[in-house]
Full PDB file with SEQRES, HELIX, SHEET, SSBOND, CRYST1, ORIGX, SCALE, CONECT and MASTER records, all heavy atoms in Angstrom:
SEQRES   1 A   45  VAL LEU SER LEU TRP LEU PHE PHE VAL THR VAL TYR PHE          
SEQRES   2 A   45  LEU PHE SER LYS THR GLN ASN ILE LYS ILE ILE PRO VAL          
SEQRES   3 A   45  SER LEU CYS VAL LEU SER LEU LEU ALA ILE TYR GLY PRO          
SEQRES   4 A   45  GLN SER ALA SER SER VAL                                      
HELIX    1 AA1 LEU A    2  PHE A   15  1                                  14    
HELIX    2 AA2 ILE A   23  LEU A   34  1                                  12    
CRYST1    1.000    1.000    1.000  90.00  90.00  90.00 P 1           1          
ORIGX1      1.000000  0.000000  0.000000        0.00000                         
ORIGX2      0.000000  1.000000  0.000000        0.00000                         
ORIGX3      0.000000  0.000000  1.000000        0.00000                         
SCALE1      1.000000  0.000000  0.000000        0.00000                         
SCALE2      0.000000  1.000000  0.000000        0.00000                         
SCALE3      0.000000  0.000000  1.000000        0.00000                         
ATOM      1  N   VAL A   1       0.845  -1.200   0.000  1.00  0.00           N  
ATOM      2  CA  VAL A   1       0.001   0.004  -0.025  1.00  0.00           C  
ATOM      3  C   VAL A   1       0.862   1.243  -0.005  1.00  0.00           C  
ATOM      4  O   VAL A   1       0.588   2.221  -0.755  1.00  0.00           O  
ATOM      5  CB  VAL A   1      -0.953  -0.010   1.223  1.00  0.00           C  
ATOM      6  CG1 VAL A   1      -1.643   1.341   1.350  1.00  0.00           C  
ATOM      7  CG2 VAL A   1      -1.976  -1.118   1.100  1.00  0.00           C  
ATOM      8  N   LEU A   2       1.943   1.248   0.791  1.00  0.00           N  
ATOM      9  CA  LEU A   2       2.838   2.391   0.831  1.00  0.00           C  
ATOM     10  C   LEU A   2       3.528   2.583  -0.533  1.00  0.00           C  
ATOM     11  O   LEU A   2       3.777   3.738  -0.938  1.00  0.00           O  
ATOM     12  CB  LEU A   2       3.848   2.281   1.938  1.00  0.00           C  
ATOM     13  CG  LEU A   2       3.371   2.533   3.369  1.00  0.00           C  
ATOM     14  CD1 LEU A   2       4.486   2.285   4.358  1.00  0.00           C  
ATOM     15  CD2 LEU A   2       2.808   3.918   3.517  1.00  0.00           C  
ATOM     16  N   SER A   3       3.840   1.503  -1.173  1.00  0.00           N  
ATOM     17  CA  SER A   3       4.487   1.619  -2.502  1.00  0.00           C  
ATOM     18  C   SER A   3       3.524   2.262  -3.513  1.00  0.00           C  
ATOM     19  O   SER A   3       3.932   3.175  -4.278  1.00  0.00           O  
ATOM     20  CB  SER A   3       4.903   0.216  -3.012  1.00  0.00           C  
ATOM     21  OG  SER A   3       5.809  -0.378  -2.099  1.00  0.00           O  
ATOM     22  N   LEU A   4       2.265   1.827  -3.490  1.00  0.00           N  
ATOM     23  CA  LEU A   4       1.276   2.454  -4.419  1.00  0.00           C  
ATOM     24  C   LEU A   4       1.034   3.888  -4.030  1.00  0.00           C  
ATOM     25  O   LEU A   4       0.852   4.735  -4.917  1.00  0.00           O  
ATOM     26  CB  LEU A   4      -0.003   1.628  -4.327  1.00  0.00           C  
ATOM     27  CG  LEU A   4       0.041   0.179  -4.841  1.00  0.00           C  
ATOM     28  CD1 LEU A   4      -1.259  -0.539  -4.553  1.00  0.00           C  
ATOM     29  CD2 LEU A   4       0.380   0.150  -6.352  1.00  0.00           C  
ATOM     30  N   TRP A   5       1.025   4.178  -2.721  1.00  0.00           N  
ATOM     31  CA  TRP A   5       0.840   5.555  -2.303  1.00  0.00           C  
ATOM     32  C   TRP A   5       2.011   6.465  -2.761  1.00  0.00           C  
ATOM     33  O   TRP A   5       1.822   7.567  -3.229  1.00  0.00           O  
ATOM     34  CB  TRP A   5       0.701   5.630  -0.785  1.00  0.00           C  
ATOM     35  CG  TRP A   5       0.642   7.010  -0.250  1.00  0.00           C  
ATOM     36  CD1 TRP A   5      -0.459   7.807  -0.227  1.00  0.00           C  
ATOM     37  CD2 TRP A   5       1.669   7.755   0.370  1.00  0.00           C  
ATOM     38  NE1 TRP A   5      -0.177   9.049   0.372  1.00  0.00           N  
ATOM     39  CE2 TRP A   5       1.140   9.025   0.721  1.00  0.00           C  
ATOM     40  CE3 TRP A   5       3.017   7.533   0.607  1.00  0.00           C  
ATOM     41  CZ2 TRP A   5       1.906   9.999   1.328  1.00  0.00           C  
ATOM     42  CZ3 TRP A   5       3.774   8.500   1.217  1.00  0.00           C  
ATOM     43  CH2 TRP A   5       3.210   9.743   1.566  1.00  0.00           C  
ATOM     44  N   LEU A   6       3.234   5.924  -2.622  1.00  0.00           N  
ATOM     45  CA  LEU A   6       4.420   6.652  -3.061  1.00  0.00           C  
ATOM     46  C   LEU A   6       4.347   6.933  -4.597  1.00  0.00           C  
ATOM     47  O   LEU A   6       4.724   8.043  -5.024  1.00  0.00           O  
ATOM     48  CB  LEU A   6       5.687   5.926  -2.716  1.00  0.00           C  
ATOM     49  CG  LEU A   6       6.162   6.030  -1.245  1.00  0.00           C  
ATOM     50  CD1 LEU A   6       7.340   5.127  -1.024  1.00  0.00           C  
ATOM     51  CD2 LEU A   6       6.578   7.492  -0.984  1.00  0.00           C  
ATOM     52  N   PHE A   7       3.904   5.955  -5.317  1.00  0.00           N  
ATOM     53  CA  PHE A   7       3.781   6.128  -6.741  1.00  0.00           C  
ATOM     54  C   PHE A   7       2.776   7.235  -7.086  1.00  0.00           C  
ATOM     55  O   PHE A   7       3.009   8.124  -7.922  1.00  0.00           O  
ATOM     56  CB  PHE A   7       3.360   4.827  -7.419  1.00  0.00           C  
ATOM     57  CG  PHE A   7       3.154   4.945  -8.900  1.00  0.00           C  
ATOM     58  CD1 PHE A   7       4.224   4.945  -9.770  1.00  0.00           C  
ATOM     59  CD2 PHE A   7       1.853   4.994  -9.428  1.00  0.00           C  
ATOM     60  CE1 PHE A   7       4.051   5.045 -11.139  1.00  0.00           C  
ATOM     61  CE2 PHE A   7       1.680   5.118 -10.825  1.00  0.00           C  
ATOM     62  CZ  PHE A   7       2.775   5.138 -11.667  1.00  0.00           C  
ATOM     63  N   PHE A   8       1.626   7.210  -6.363  1.00  0.00           N  
ATOM     64  CA  PHE A   8       0.581   8.203  -6.536  1.00  0.00           C  
ATOM     65  C   PHE A   8       1.110   9.616  -6.200  1.00  0.00           C  
ATOM     66  O   PHE A   8       0.906  10.610  -6.956  1.00  0.00           O  
ATOM     67  CB  PHE A   8      -0.615   7.882  -5.679  1.00  0.00           C  
ATOM     68  CG  PHE A   8      -1.572   9.049  -5.484  1.00  0.00           C  
ATOM     69  CD1 PHE A   8      -2.428   9.448  -6.494  1.00  0.00           C  
ATOM     70  CD2 PHE A   8      -1.609   9.729  -4.253  1.00  0.00           C  
ATOM     71  CE1 PHE A   8      -3.280  10.509  -6.316  1.00  0.00           C  
ATOM     72  CE2 PHE A   8      -2.478  10.777  -4.082  1.00  0.00           C  
ATOM     73  CZ  PHE A   8      -3.311  11.181  -5.096  1.00  0.00           C  
ATOM     74  N   VAL A   9       1.802   9.726  -5.031  1.00  0.00           N  
ATOM     75  CA  VAL A   9       2.323  11.040  -4.624  1.00  0.00           C  
ATOM     76  C   VAL A   9       3.371  11.560  -5.598  1.00  0.00           C  
ATOM     77  O   VAL A   9       3.450  12.729  -5.906  1.00  0.00           O  
ATOM     78  CB  VAL A   9       2.893  10.914  -3.195  1.00  0.00           C  
ATOM     79  CG1 VAL A   9       3.684  12.156  -2.799  1.00  0.00           C  
ATOM     80  CG2 VAL A   9       1.758  10.683  -2.185  1.00  0.00           C  
ATOM     81  N   THR A  10       4.226  10.601  -6.025  1.00  0.00           N  
ATOM     82  CA  THR A  10       5.322  11.024  -6.957  1.00  0.00           C  
ATOM     83  C   THR A  10       4.682  11.558  -8.255  1.00  0.00           C  
ATOM     84  O   THR A  10       5.114  12.608  -8.779  1.00  0.00           O  
ATOM     85  CB  THR A  10       6.223   9.802  -7.300  1.00  0.00           C  
ATOM     86  OG1 THR A  10       6.806   9.338  -6.046  1.00  0.00           O  
ATOM     87  CG2 THR A  10       7.268  10.178  -8.283  1.00  0.00           C  
ATOM     88  N   VAL A  11       3.764  10.846  -8.833  1.00  0.00           N  
ATOM     89  CA  VAL A  11       3.071  11.313 -10.052  1.00  0.00           C  
ATOM     90  C   VAL A  11       2.387  12.651  -9.844  1.00  0.00           C  
ATOM     91  O   VAL A  11       2.447  13.559 -10.674  1.00  0.00           O  
ATOM     92  CB  VAL A  11       2.117  10.220 -10.588  1.00  0.00           C  
ATOM     93  CG1 VAL A  11       1.280  10.773 -11.751  1.00  0.00           C  
ATOM     94  CG2 VAL A  11       2.902   9.019 -11.007  1.00  0.00           C  
ATOM     95  N   TYR A  12       1.724  12.776  -8.686  1.00  0.00           N  
ATOM     96  CA  TYR A  12       0.975  13.993  -8.390  1.00  0.00           C  
ATOM     97  C   TYR A  12       1.945  15.203  -8.374  1.00  0.00           C  
ATOM     98  O   TYR A  12       1.643  16.258  -8.995  1.00  0.00           O  
ATOM     99  CB  TYR A  12       0.232  13.855  -7.068  1.00  0.00           C  
ATOM    100  CG  TYR A  12      -0.448  15.129  -6.561  1.00  0.00           C  
ATOM    101  CD1 TYR A  12      -1.633  15.562  -7.115  1.00  0.00           C  
ATOM    102  CD2 TYR A  12       0.207  15.937  -5.633  1.00  0.00           C  
ATOM    103  CE1 TYR A  12      -2.233  16.733  -6.736  1.00  0.00           C  
ATOM    104  CE2 TYR A  12      -0.364  17.113  -5.226  1.00  0.00           C  
ATOM    105  CZ  TYR A  12      -1.588  17.509  -5.742  1.00  0.00           C  
ATOM    106  OH  TYR A  12      -2.171  18.686  -5.367  1.00  0.00           O  
ATOM    107  N   PHE A  13       2.989  15.122  -7.629  1.00  0.00           N  
ATOM    108  CA  PHE A  13       3.873  16.268  -7.446  1.00  0.00           C  
ATOM    109  C   PHE A  13       4.779  16.511  -8.669  1.00  0.00           C  
ATOM    110  O   PHE A  13       5.331  17.601  -8.806  1.00  0.00           O  
ATOM    111  CB  PHE A  13       4.771  16.110  -6.195  1.00  0.00           C  
ATOM    112  CG  PHE A  13       4.021  16.455  -4.918  1.00  0.00           C  
ATOM    113  CD1 PHE A  13       3.568  15.425  -4.104  1.00  0.00           C  
ATOM    114  CD2 PHE A  13       3.781  17.723  -4.553  1.00  0.00           C  
ATOM    115  CE1 PHE A  13       2.827  15.705  -2.937  1.00  0.00           C  
ATOM    116  CE2 PHE A  13       3.075  18.031  -3.395  1.00  0.00           C  
ATOM    117  CZ  PHE A  13       2.627  16.999  -2.579  1.00  0.00           C  
ATOM    118  N   LEU A  14       4.914  15.510  -9.526  1.00  0.00           N  
ATOM    119  CA  LEU A  14       5.668  15.714 -10.774  1.00  0.00           C  
ATOM    120  C   LEU A  14       4.814  16.467 -11.800  1.00  0.00           C  
ATOM    121  O   LEU A  14       5.352  17.251 -12.601  1.00  0.00           O  
ATOM    122  CB  LEU A  14       6.105  14.409 -11.347  1.00  0.00           C  
ATOM    123  CG  LEU A  14       7.369  13.752 -10.717  1.00  0.00           C  
ATOM    124  CD1 LEU A  14       7.659  12.381 -11.332  1.00  0.00           C  
ATOM    125  CD2 LEU A  14       8.583  14.688 -10.862  1.00  0.00           C  
ATOM    126  N   PHE A  15       3.505  16.232 -11.848  1.00  0.00           N  
ATOM    127  CA  PHE A  15       2.693  16.752 -12.888  1.00  0.00           C  
ATOM    128  C   PHE A  15       1.621  17.735 -12.463  1.00  0.00           C  
ATOM    129  O   PHE A  15       1.021  18.456 -13.300  1.00  0.00           O  
ATOM    130  CB  PHE A  15       2.023  15.594 -13.672  1.00  0.00           C  
ATOM    131  CG  PHE A  15       3.009  14.640 -14.292  1.00  0.00           C  
ATOM    132  CD1 PHE A  15       3.284  13.428 -13.735  1.00  0.00           C  
ATOM    133  CD2 PHE A  15       3.713  15.031 -15.473  1.00  0.00           C  
ATOM    134  CE1 PHE A  15       4.199  12.575 -14.312  1.00  0.00           C  
ATOM    135  CE2 PHE A  15       4.596  14.169 -16.041  1.00  0.00           C  
ATOM    136  CZ  PHE A  15       4.868  12.936 -15.468  1.00  0.00           C  
ATOM    137  N   SER A  16       1.347  17.832 -11.173  1.00  0.00           N  
ATOM    138  CA  SER A  16       0.293  18.720 -10.692  1.00  0.00           C  
ATOM    139  C   SER A  16       0.835  20.167 -10.592  1.00  0.00           C  
ATOM    140  O   SER A  16       1.966  20.379 -10.154  1.00  0.00           O  
ATOM    141  CB  SER A  16      -0.249  18.277  -9.342  1.00  0.00           C  
ATOM    142  OG  SER A  16      -1.154  19.226  -8.819  1.00  0.00           O  
ATOM    143  N   LYS A  17       0.004  21.143 -10.945  1.00  0.00           N  
ATOM    144  CA  LYS A  17       0.411  22.536 -10.827  1.00  0.00           C  
ATOM    145  C   LYS A  17       0.060  23.140  -9.467  1.00  0.00           C  
ATOM    146  O   LYS A  17       0.648  24.080  -9.016  1.00  0.00           O  
ATOM    147  CB  LYS A  17      -0.303  23.358 -11.943  1.00  0.00           C  
ATOM    148  CG  LYS A  17       0.190  22.985 -13.330  1.00  0.00           C  
ATOM    149  CD  LYS A  17      -0.519  23.865 -14.366  1.00  0.00           C  
ATOM    150  CE  LYS A  17      -0.059  23.497 -15.786  1.00  0.00           C  
ATOM    151  NZ  LYS A  17      -0.723  24.368 -16.837  1.00  0.00           N  
ATOM    152  N   THR A  18      -0.910  22.536  -8.760  1.00  0.00           N  
ATOM    153  CA  THR A  18      -1.339  23.068  -7.474  1.00  0.00           C  
ATOM    154  C   THR A  18      -0.357  22.763  -6.362  1.00  0.00           C  
ATOM    155  O   THR A  18      -0.162  23.586  -5.427  1.00  0.00           O  
ATOM    156  CB  THR A  18      -2.714  22.491  -7.106  1.00  0.00           C  
ATOM    157  OG1 THR A  18      -2.649  21.084  -7.111  1.00  0.00           O  
ATOM    158  CG2 THR A  18      -3.763  22.979  -8.135  1.00  0.00           C  
ATOM    159  N   GLN A  19       0.273  21.553  -6.394  1.00  0.00           N  
ATOM    160  CA  GLN A  19       1.277  21.178  -5.395  1.00  0.00           C  
ATOM    161  C   GLN A  19       0.710  21.334  -3.953  1.00  0.00           C  
ATOM    162  O   GLN A  19       1.303  21.929  -3.079  1.00  0.00           O  
ATOM    163  CB  GLN A  19       2.548  22.035  -5.532  1.00  0.00           C  
ATOM    164  CG  GLN A  19       3.196  21.919  -6.887  1.00  0.00           C  
ATOM    165  CD  GLN A  19       3.988  20.600  -7.034  1.00  0.00           C  
ATOM    166  OE1 GLN A  19       4.866  20.277  -6.247  1.00  0.00           O  
ATOM    167  NE2 GLN A  19       3.622  19.829  -8.043  1.00  0.00           N  
ATOM    168  N   ASN A  20      -0.476  20.775  -3.723  1.00  0.00           N  
ATOM    169  CA  ASN A  20      -1.121  20.894  -2.453  1.00  0.00           C  
ATOM    170  C   ASN A  20      -0.606  19.830  -1.477  1.00  0.00           C  
ATOM    171  O   ASN A  20      -0.832  18.662  -1.593  1.00  0.00           O  
ATOM    172  CB  ASN A  20      -2.643  20.662  -2.606  1.00  0.00           C  
ATOM    173  CG  ASN A  20      -3.440  21.041  -1.391  1.00  0.00           C  
ATOM    174  OD1 ASN A  20      -2.919  21.062  -0.288  1.00  0.00           O  
ATOM    175  ND2 ASN A  20      -4.724  21.261  -1.541  1.00  0.00           N  
ATOM    176  N   ILE A  21       0.146  20.339  -0.467  1.00  0.00           N  
ATOM    177  CA  ILE A  21       0.833  19.393   0.472  1.00  0.00           C  
ATOM    178  C   ILE A  21      -0.180  18.736   1.444  1.00  0.00           C  
ATOM    179  O   ILE A  21       0.164  17.739   2.084  1.00  0.00           O  
ATOM    180  CB  ILE A  21       1.957  20.083   1.258  1.00  0.00           C  
ATOM    181  CG1 ILE A  21       1.386  21.307   2.033  1.00  0.00           C  
ATOM    182  CG2 ILE A  21       3.071  20.511   0.313  1.00  0.00           C  
ATOM    183  CD1 ILE A  21       2.428  21.980   2.942  1.00  0.00           C  
ATOM    184  N   LYS A  22      -1.391  19.286   1.518  1.00  0.00           N  
ATOM    185  CA  LYS A  22      -2.377  18.641   2.404  1.00  0.00           C  
ATOM    186  C   LYS A  22      -2.730  17.225   1.908  1.00  0.00           C  
ATOM    187  O   LYS A  22      -3.266  16.408   2.686  1.00  0.00           O  
ATOM    188  CB  LYS A  22      -3.626  19.480   2.463  1.00  0.00           C  
ATOM    189  CG  LYS A  22      -3.508  20.711   3.376  1.00  0.00           C  
ATOM    190  CD  LYS A  22      -4.879  21.305   3.762  1.00  0.00           C  
ATOM    191  CE  LYS A  22      -5.519  22.008   2.618  1.00  0.00           C  
ATOM    192  NZ  LYS A  22      -6.763  22.704   3.012  1.00  0.00           N  
ATOM    193  N   ILE A  23      -2.485  17.000   0.636  1.00  0.00           N  
ATOM    194  CA  ILE A  23      -2.814  15.655   0.114  1.00  0.00           C  
ATOM    195  C   ILE A  23      -2.039  14.533   0.759  1.00  0.00           C  
ATOM    196  O   ILE A  23      -2.477  13.391   0.827  1.00  0.00           O  
ATOM    197  CB  ILE A  23      -2.609  15.624  -1.434  1.00  0.00           C  
ATOM    198  CG1 ILE A  23      -3.382  14.474  -2.014  1.00  0.00           C  
ATOM    199  CG2 ILE A  23      -1.132  15.553  -1.779  1.00  0.00           C  
ATOM    200  CD1 ILE A  23      -3.374  14.449  -3.551  1.00  0.00           C  
ATOM    201  N   ILE A  24      -0.881  14.880   1.310  1.00  0.00           N  
ATOM    202  CA  ILE A  24      -0.033  13.829   1.954  1.00  0.00           C  
ATOM    203  C   ILE A  24      -0.652  13.251   3.190  1.00  0.00           C  
ATOM    204  O   ILE A  24      -0.938  12.056   3.308  1.00  0.00           O  
ATOM    205  CB  ILE A  24       1.375  14.413   2.256  1.00  0.00           C  
ATOM    206  CG1 ILE A  24       2.095  14.691   0.921  1.00  0.00           C  
ATOM    207  CG2 ILE A  24       2.186  13.446   3.125  1.00  0.00           C  
ATOM    208  CD1 ILE A  24       3.437  15.365   1.087  1.00  0.00           C  
ATOM    209  N   PRO A  25      -1.007  14.086   4.260  1.00  0.00           N  
ATOM    210  CA  PRO A  25      -1.631  13.506   5.429  1.00  0.00           C  
ATOM    211  C   PRO A  25      -3.063  13.020   5.166  1.00  0.00           C  
ATOM    212  O   PRO A  25      -3.448  12.029   5.777  1.00  0.00           O  
ATOM    213  CB  PRO A  25      -1.643  14.667   6.433  1.00  0.00           C  
ATOM    214  CG  PRO A  25      -1.557  15.910   5.620  1.00  0.00           C  
ATOM    215  CD  PRO A  25      -0.709  15.550   4.406  1.00  0.00           C  
ATOM    216  N   VAL A  26      -3.784  13.700   4.265  1.00  0.00           N  
ATOM    217  CA  VAL A  26      -5.166  13.271   4.003  1.00  0.00           C  
ATOM    218  C   VAL A  26      -5.186  11.913   3.345  1.00  0.00           C  
ATOM    219  O   VAL A  26      -5.981  11.008   3.799  1.00  0.00           O  
ATOM    220  CB  VAL A  26      -5.873  14.280   3.080  1.00  0.00           C  
ATOM    221  CG1 VAL A  26      -7.219  13.735   2.613  1.00  0.00           C  
ATOM    222  CG2 VAL A  26      -6.099  15.601   3.812  1.00  0.00           C  
ATOM    223  N   SER A  27      -4.360  11.670   2.336  1.00  0.00           N  
ATOM    224  CA  SER A  27      -4.361  10.350   1.671  1.00  0.00           C  
ATOM    225  C   SER A  27      -3.862   9.246   2.589  1.00  0.00           C  
ATOM    226  O   SER A  27      -4.386   8.131   2.582  1.00  0.00           O  
ATOM    227  CB  SER A  27      -3.502  10.406   0.415  1.00  0.00           C  
ATOM    228  OG  SER A  27      -2.197  10.830   0.745  1.00  0.00           O  
ATOM    229  N   LEU A  28      -2.820   9.542   3.400  1.00  0.00           N  
ATOM    230  CA  LEU A  28      -2.351   8.558   4.341  1.00  0.00           C  
ATOM    231  C   LEU A  28      -3.392   8.188   5.401  1.00  0.00           C  
ATOM    232  O   LEU A  28      -3.539   7.030   5.805  1.00  0.00           O  
ATOM    233  CB  LEU A  28      -1.047   9.049   5.013  1.00  0.00           C  
ATOM    234  CG  LEU A  28       0.237   8.886   4.257  1.00  0.00           C  
ATOM    235  CD1 LEU A  28       1.403   9.512   5.010  1.00  0.00           C  
ATOM    236  CD2 LEU A  28       0.551   7.431   3.977  1.00  0.00           C  
ATOM    237  N   CYS A  29      -4.180   9.165   5.873  1.00  0.00           N  
ATOM    238  CA  CYS A  29      -5.187   8.917   6.840  1.00  0.00           C  
ATOM    239  C   CYS A  29      -6.291   8.023   6.216  1.00  0.00           C  
ATOM    240  O   CYS A  29      -6.749   7.077   6.895  1.00  0.00           O  
ATOM    241  CB  CYS A  29      -5.787  10.256   7.289  1.00  0.00           C  
ATOM    242  SG  CYS A  29      -7.093  10.118   8.532  1.00  0.00           S  
ATOM    243  N   VAL A  30      -6.689   8.272   5.000  1.00  0.00           N  
ATOM    244  CA  VAL A  30      -7.710   7.472   4.354  1.00  0.00           C  
ATOM    245  C   VAL A  30      -7.180   6.052   4.193  1.00  0.00           C  
ATOM    246  O   VAL A  30      -7.938   5.074   4.470  1.00  0.00           O  
ATOM    247  CB  VAL A  30      -8.077   8.090   2.982  1.00  0.00           C  
ATOM    248  CG1 VAL A  30      -8.982   7.104   2.194  1.00  0.00           C  
ATOM    249  CG2 VAL A  30      -8.765   9.395   3.155  1.00  0.00           C  
ATOM    250  N   LEU A  31      -5.962   5.865   3.774  1.00  0.00           N  
ATOM    251  CA  LEU A  31      -5.433   4.500   3.623  1.00  0.00           C  
ATOM    252  C   LEU A  31      -5.344   3.783   4.943  1.00  0.00           C  
ATOM    253  O   LEU A  31      -5.573   2.575   5.013  1.00  0.00           O  
ATOM    254  CB  LEU A  31      -4.035   4.602   2.958  1.00  0.00           C  
ATOM    255  CG  LEU A  31      -4.028   4.988   1.507  1.00  0.00           C  
ATOM    256  CD1 LEU A  31      -2.578   5.172   0.994  1.00  0.00           C  
ATOM    257  CD2 LEU A  31      -4.776   4.022   0.618  1.00  0.00           C  
ATOM    258  N   SER A  32      -4.984   4.497   6.014  1.00  0.00           N  
ATOM    259  CA  SER A  32      -4.921   3.876   7.344  1.00  0.00           C  
ATOM    260  C   SER A  32      -6.262   3.408   7.804  1.00  0.00           C  
ATOM    261  O   SER A  32      -6.402   2.298   8.337  1.00  0.00           O  
ATOM    262  CB  SER A  32      -4.348   4.866   8.334  1.00  0.00           C  
ATOM    263  OG  SER A  32      -3.013   5.248   8.060  1.00  0.00           O  
ATOM    264  N   LEU A  33      -7.291   4.186   7.556  1.00  0.00           N  
ATOM    265  CA  LEU A  33      -8.658   3.800   7.911  1.00  0.00           C  
ATOM    266  C   LEU A  33      -9.137   2.605   7.106  1.00  0.00           C  
ATOM    267  O   LEU A  33      -9.816   1.692   7.644  1.00  0.00           O  
ATOM    268  CB  LEU A  33      -9.610   4.972   7.747  1.00  0.00           C  
ATOM    269  CG  LEU A  33      -9.419   6.176   8.688  1.00  0.00           C  
ATOM    270  CD1 LEU A  33     -10.311   7.328   8.273  1.00  0.00           C  
ATOM    271  CD2 LEU A  33      -9.706   5.727  10.135  1.00  0.00           C  
ATOM    272  N   LEU A  34      -8.823   2.585   5.845  1.00  0.00           N  
ATOM    273  CA  LEU A  34      -9.216   1.468   4.993  1.00  0.00           C  
ATOM    274  C   LEU A  34      -8.529   0.166   5.378  1.00  0.00           C  
ATOM    275  O   LEU A  34      -9.043  -0.949   5.116  1.00  0.00           O  
ATOM    276  CB  LEU A  34      -8.913   1.793   3.529  1.00  0.00           C  
ATOM    277  CG  LEU A  34      -9.774   2.871   2.866  1.00  0.00           C  
ATOM    278  CD1 LEU A  34      -9.241   3.172   1.445  1.00  0.00           C  
ATOM    279  CD2 LEU A  34     -11.242   2.437   2.794  1.00  0.00           C  
ATOM    280  N   ALA A  35      -7.345   0.272   6.028  1.00  0.00           N  
ATOM    281  CA  ALA A  35      -6.592  -0.903   6.362  1.00  0.00           C  
ATOM    282  C   ALA A  35      -7.056  -1.588   7.674  1.00  0.00           C  
ATOM    283  O   ALA A  35      -6.588  -2.632   8.033  1.00  0.00           O  
ATOM    284  CB  ALA A  35      -5.089  -0.588   6.504  1.00  0.00           C  
ATOM    285  N   ILE A  36      -8.025  -0.934   8.369  1.00  0.00           N  
ATOM    286  CA  ILE A  36      -8.412  -1.448   9.702  1.00  0.00           C  
ATOM    287  C   ILE A  36      -9.448  -2.554   9.618  1.00  0.00           C  
ATOM    288  O   ILE A  36      -9.243  -3.675  10.123  1.00  0.00           O  
ATOM    289  CB  ILE A  36      -8.991  -0.274  10.525  1.00  0.00           C  
ATOM    290  CG1 ILE A  36      -7.872   0.784  10.713  1.00  0.00           C  
ATOM    291  CG2 ILE A  36      -9.456  -0.784  11.894  1.00  0.00           C  
ATOM    292  CD1 ILE A  36      -8.401   2.085  11.334  1.00  0.00           C  
ATOM    293  N   TYR A  37     -10.581  -2.321   8.970  1.00  0.00           N  
ATOM    294  CA  TYR A  37     -11.648  -3.331   8.869  1.00  0.00           C  
ATOM    295  C   TYR A  37     -12.165  -3.342   7.417  1.00  0.00           C  
ATOM    296  O   TYR A  37     -12.026  -2.398   6.678  1.00  0.00           O  
ATOM    297  CB  TYR A  37     -12.772  -3.035   9.836  1.00  0.00           C  
ATOM    298  CG  TYR A  37     -12.468  -3.310  11.288  1.00  0.00           C  
ATOM    299  CD1 TYR A  37     -12.233  -2.319  12.214  1.00  0.00           C  
ATOM    300  CD2 TYR A  37     -12.359  -4.639  11.721  1.00  0.00           C  
ATOM    301  CE1 TYR A  37     -11.939  -2.577  13.519  1.00  0.00           C  
ATOM    302  CE2 TYR A  37     -12.090  -4.927  13.049  1.00  0.00           C  
ATOM    303  CZ  TYR A  37     -11.872  -3.886  13.958  1.00  0.00           C  
ATOM    304  OH  TYR A  37     -11.548  -4.178  15.237  1.00  0.00           O  
ATOM    305  N   GLY A  38     -12.835  -4.489   7.088  1.00  0.00           N  
ATOM    306  CA  GLY A  38     -13.433  -4.609   5.794  1.00  0.00           C  
ATOM    307  C   GLY A  38     -12.685  -5.595   4.926  1.00  0.00           C  
ATOM    308  O   GLY A  38     -11.538  -6.027   5.216  1.00  0.00           O  
ATOM    309  N   PRO A  39     -13.247  -5.965   3.756  1.00  0.00           N  
ATOM    310  CA  PRO A  39     -12.607  -6.940   2.879  1.00  0.00           C  
ATOM    311  C   PRO A  39     -11.280  -6.431   2.281  1.00  0.00           C  
ATOM    312  O   PRO A  39     -10.451  -7.224   1.872  1.00  0.00           O  
ATOM    313  CB  PRO A  39     -13.635  -7.139   1.768  1.00  0.00           C  
ATOM    314  CG  PRO A  39     -14.532  -5.935   1.821  1.00  0.00           C  
ATOM    315  CD  PRO A  39     -14.559  -5.507   3.266  1.00  0.00           C  
ATOM    316  N   GLN A  40     -11.089  -5.120   2.277  1.00  0.00           N  
ATOM    317  CA  GLN A  40      -9.842  -4.543   1.707  1.00  0.00           C  
ATOM    318  C   GLN A  40      -8.815  -4.308   2.821  1.00  0.00           C  
ATOM    319  O   GLN A  40      -7.682  -3.857   2.496  1.00  0.00           O  
ATOM    320  CB  GLN A  40     -10.142  -3.178   1.050  1.00  0.00           C  
ATOM    321  CG  GLN A  40     -10.326  -1.971   2.024  1.00  0.00           C  
ATOM    322  CD  GLN A  40     -11.551  -2.128   2.898  1.00  0.00           C  
ATOM    323  OE1 GLN A  40     -12.567  -2.674   2.517  1.00  0.00           O  
ATOM    324  NE2 GLN A  40     -11.469  -1.570   4.125  1.00  0.00           N  
ATOM    325  N   SER A  41      -9.144  -4.627   4.062  1.00  0.00           N  
ATOM    326  CA  SER A  41      -8.224  -4.361   5.155  1.00  0.00           C  
ATOM    327  C   SER A  41      -7.022  -5.280   5.161  1.00  0.00           C  
ATOM    328  O   SER A  41      -6.996  -6.287   4.491  1.00  0.00           O  
ATOM    329  CB  SER A  41      -8.955  -4.488   6.501  1.00  0.00           C  
ATOM    330  OG  SER A  41      -9.317  -5.849   6.719  1.00  0.00           O  
ATOM    331  N   ALA A  42      -6.002  -4.879   5.947  1.00  0.00           N  
ATOM    332  CA  ALA A  42      -4.766  -5.657   6.019  1.00  0.00           C  
ATOM    333  C   ALA A  42      -5.071  -7.073   6.570  1.00  0.00           C  
ATOM    334  O   ALA A  42      -4.541  -8.081   6.064  1.00  0.00           O  
ATOM    335  CB  ALA A  42      -3.770  -4.939   6.886  1.00  0.00           C  
ATOM    336  N   SER A  43      -5.941  -7.136   7.530  1.00  0.00           N  
ATOM    337  CA  SER A  43      -6.255  -8.431   8.164  1.00  0.00           C  
ATOM    338  C   SER A  43      -6.980  -9.340   7.211  1.00  0.00           C  
ATOM    339  O   SER A  43      -6.630 -10.521   7.066  1.00  0.00           O  
ATOM    340  CB  SER A  43      -7.137  -8.180   9.426  1.00  0.00           C  
ATOM    341  OG  SER A  43      -7.557  -9.398   9.942  1.00  0.00           O  
ATOM    342  N   SER A  44      -7.983  -8.821   6.508  1.00  0.00           N  
ATOM    343  CA  SER A  44      -8.775  -9.673   5.566  1.00  0.00           C  
ATOM    344  C   SER A  44      -7.965 -10.142   4.400  1.00  0.00           C  
ATOM    345  O   SER A  44      -8.000 -11.317   4.018  1.00  0.00           O  
ATOM    346  CB  SER A  44      -9.998  -8.874   5.088  1.00  0.00           C  
ATOM    347  OG  SER A  44     -10.865  -8.547   6.138  1.00  0.00           O  
ATOM    348  N   VAL A  45      -7.198  -9.237   3.811  1.00  0.00           N  
ATOM    349  CA  VAL A  45      -6.402  -9.599   2.631  1.00  0.00           C  
ATOM    350  C   VAL A  45      -5.332 -10.645   2.976  1.00  0.00           C  
ATOM    351  O   VAL A  45      -5.162 -11.631   2.296  1.00  0.00           O  
ATOM    352  CB  VAL A  45      -5.773  -8.331   1.997  1.00  0.00           C  
ATOM    353  CG1 VAL A  45      -4.787  -8.723   0.890  1.00  0.00           C  
ATOM    354  CG2 VAL A  45      -6.820  -7.398   1.436  1.00  0.00           C  
TER     355      VAL A  45                                                      
MASTER        0    0    0    2    0    0    0    6  354    1    0    4          
END                                                                             
């Protein structure tokens, strides 16, 4: 998940004109929540 996130962040900051740094903690927070419970979570997978 961190590898895919790094790829996303790298592409975003290479090509985005806005360069919004808030996307870093927001995206990591969302991924952390998704990893807790559910079929996509770390435990289930």
